Amino acid sequence: MSAFLFILTCGLTAPHSTIAQNQDIIKITWKTLQDVKFTEKYYKEAEAWFLFPNFGQSLKQLNGKTVEIKGYVIPIDAENGMYALSAFPFSSCYFCGGAGPESVLSLKLKKGHRRYKTDEVLTFRGTFQLNDKDINDFNYILRNAEEVKQ
């Protein structure tokens, strides 16, 4: 099954559009985040090769905007409030299942959030940021993120 069909099956994308705008909040899907190409780049400070993102125009236009996206919560360090949001459940995500770096984003949550469980399917809202500088974070970051109550 293709990644796109898997996402559709899991209900993580709108059937007719990859971007829907509502009162300064832009609803995006994981298909939206596929507008990127990667090239290998050697980072001397880490003494390792990393995939360097070349973001498409549609992603550049979203940089700094308030967006909403639905996905699977992946705790990185729950004790310290570090979470990621993935297009796929933990067993199939970027870390374990071989999905690409465009299928995960870093959640920088507002203070006072609850503790999240692995693979909870939730929608989050925050300021979308592209990252092609910090190799210690994901290519996509959702800053001041908060859970959208359904």
Protein backbone atom coordinates (compact mmCIF):
# COMPACT_ATOMS: atom_id res chain seq x y z
CA MET A 1 0.00 0.00 0.00
CA SER A 2 1.37 3.43 -0.85
CA ALA A 3 1.96 5.97 1.91
CA PHE A 4 -0.75 8.20 0.47
CA LEU A 5 -3.31 5.39 0.44
CA PHE A 6 -2.32 4.48 3.99
CA ILE A 7 -2.91 8.05 5.12
CA LEU A 8 -6.29 8.13 3.40
CA THR A 9 -7.24 4.83 5.02
CA CYS A 10 -6.31 6.20 8.44
CA GLY A 11 -8.38 9.34 7.91
CA LEU A 12 -5.44 11.72 8.17
CA THR A 13 -6.13 13.73 5.05
CA ALA A 14 -9.01 15.68 3.57
CA PRO A 15 -10.42 13.84 0.54
CA HIS A 16 -10.55 16.83 -1.81
CA SER A 17 -7.86 19.24 -0.71
CA THR A 18 -4.47 19.22 0.94
CA ILE A 19 -4.86 22.73 2.35
CA ALA A 20 -8.02 24.27 3.79
CA GLN A 21 -8.02 27.77 5.25
CA ASN A 22 -10.40 29.01 7.95
CA GLN A 23 -10.04 32.35 9.77
CA ASP A 24 -6.23 32.57 9.58
CA ILE A 25 -5.84 28.89 10.48
CA ILE A 26 -4.63 26.72 7.62
CA LYS A 27 -5.54 23.04 7.81
CA ILE A 28 -2.80 20.96 6.25
CA THR A 29 -2.33 17.25 5.68
CA TRP A 30 0.71 15.00 5.43
CA LYS A 31 0.38 15.21 1.65
CA THR A 32 1.06 18.95 2.00
CA LEU A 33 4.39 18.15 3.67
CA GLN A 34 5.53 16.04 0.72
CA ASP A 35 6.51 19.16 -1.26
CA VAL A 36 10.18 18.62 -0.43
CA LYS A 37 13.19 16.95 -2.00
CA PHE A 38 16.17 15.69 -0.05
CA THR A 39 19.85 15.60 -0.87
CA GLU A 40 22.59 14.10 1.24
CA LYS A 41 24.85 16.62 2.92
CA TYR A 42 27.85 16.03 5.17
CA TYR A 43 27.80 17.91 8.47
CA LYS A 44 31.33 18.27 9.76
CA GLU A 45 30.26 19.09 13.34
CA ALA A 46 28.37 15.78 13.57
CA GLU A 47 30.81 13.85 11.36
CA ALA A 48 27.83 12.33 9.57
CA TRP A 49 25.69 12.52 6.44
CA PHE A 50 22.15 13.87 6.79
CA LEU A 51 19.25 14.39 4.42
CA PHE A 52 19.12 18.11 3.65
CA PRO A 53 15.63 19.41 2.76
CA ASN A 54 14.91 21.55 -0.28
CA PHE A 55 11.42 22.84 0.49
CA GLY A 56 8.92 23.48 -2.29
CA GLN A 57 7.17 26.81 -2.78
CA SER A 58 3.92 25.66 -1.15
CA LEU A 59 5.80 24.84 2.08
CA LYS A 60 7.74 28.10 2.01
CA GLN A 61 4.40 29.94 1.86
CA LEU A 62 3.26 28.14 5.03
CA ASN A 63 6.39 29.05 7.02
CA GLY A 64 5.38 31.19 10.01
CA LYS A 65 1.64 30.62 9.50
CA THR A 66 -0.82 29.10 11.97
CA VAL A 67 -1.67 25.59 10.85
CA GLU A 68 -3.60 22.55 12.06
CA ILE A 69 -2.57 18.98 11.34
CA LYS A 70 -3.82 15.59 12.50
CA GLY A 71 -1.48 12.71 13.23
CA TYR A 72 -0.15 10.09 15.59
CA VAL A 73 1.56 11.33 18.77
CA ILE A 74 5.04 9.90 19.32
CA PRO A 75 6.55 10.63 22.75
CA ILE A 76 10.25 11.42 22.44
CA ASP A 77 10.80 12.30 26.11
CA ALA A 78 7.39 12.56 27.78
CA GLU A 79 8.93 13.45 31.15
CA ASN A 80 10.30 16.64 29.61
CA GLY A 81 7.34 17.30 27.32
CA MET A 82 9.10 16.37 24.07
CA TYR A 83 6.77 14.93 21.44
CA ALA A 84 6.61 14.39 17.70
CA LEU A 85 3.59 14.10 15.45
CA SER A 86 3.70 11.48 12.71
CA ALA A 87 1.72 10.55 9.63
CA PHE A 88 2.06 6.93 10.78
CA PRO A 89 1.78 5.01 14.05
CA PHE A 90 4.97 4.38 16.01
CA SER A 91 5.56 0.93 14.49
CA SER A 92 5.57 2.42 10.97
CA CYS A 93 6.93 5.91 11.64
CA TYR A 94 10.18 7.59 10.64
CA PHE A 95 12.03 6.13 13.63
CA CYS A 96 11.10 2.46 13.30
CA GLY A 97 9.25 1.81 10.10
CA GLY A 98 11.35 3.44 7.42
CA ALA A 99 9.03 6.34 6.60
CA GLY A 100 10.67 9.51 5.29
CA PRO A 101 11.57 12.65 7.25
CA GLU A 102 8.62 14.48 5.64
CA SER A 103 6.26 12.24 7.64
CA VAL A 104 7.10 13.62 11.08
CA LEU A 105 7.19 16.99 12.79
CA SER A 106 8.41 18.27 16.12
CA LEU A 107 5.74 19.45 18.56
CA LYS A 108 6.87 22.41 20.68
CA LEU A 109 3.88 22.42 23.01
CA LYS A 110 2.56 25.32 25.04
CA LYS A 111 3.03 24.98 28.78
CA GLY A 112 0.35 23.17 30.73
CA HIS A 113 -0.37 20.46 28.20
CA ARG A 114 -1.40 17.02 29.33
CA ARG A 115 0.78 13.95 28.96
CA TYR A 116 0.15 12.19 25.65
CA LYS A 117 0.22 8.48 24.91
CA THR A 118 1.96 6.78 22.01
CA ASP A 119 -0.20 6.60 18.88
CA GLU A 120 -3.00 8.86 20.11
CA VAL A 121 -4.55 10.32 16.95
CA LEU A 122 -4.96 14.03 17.61
CA THR A 123 -5.07 17.37 15.84
CA PHE A 124 -2.65 20.12 16.86
CA ARG A 125 -2.55 23.83 16.03
CA GLY A 126 0.55 25.99 16.10
CA THR A 127 3.01 28.10 14.15
CA PHE A 128 4.54 26.10 11.32
CA GLN A 129 8.30 26.43 10.91
CA LEU A 130 10.60 24.95 8.29
CA ASN A 131 13.96 23.74 9.59
CA ASP A 132 16.96 23.27 7.33
CA LYS A 133 19.59 24.45 9.84
CA ASP A 134 19.31 22.49 13.09
CA ILE A 135 20.26 18.83 12.57
CA ASN A 136 19.09 18.08 16.12
CA ASP A 137 15.44 18.74 15.26
CA PHE A 138 13.01 17.66 12.55
CA ASN A 139 12.56 19.46 9.23
CA TYR A 140 9.09 20.58 10.31
CA ILE A 141 8.37 22.19 13.67
CA LEU A 142 5.03 23.20 15.15
CA ARG A 143 5.74 25.95 17.70
CA ASN A 144 3.37 27.03 20.47
CA ALA A 145 1.42 23.89 19.64
CA GLU A 146 -1.81 23.03 21.38
CA GLU A 147 -4.25 20.18 21.03
CA VAL A 148 -7.40 21.03 19.09
CA LYS A 149 -10.37 19.63 20.98
CA GLN A 150 -12.74 17.82 18.63
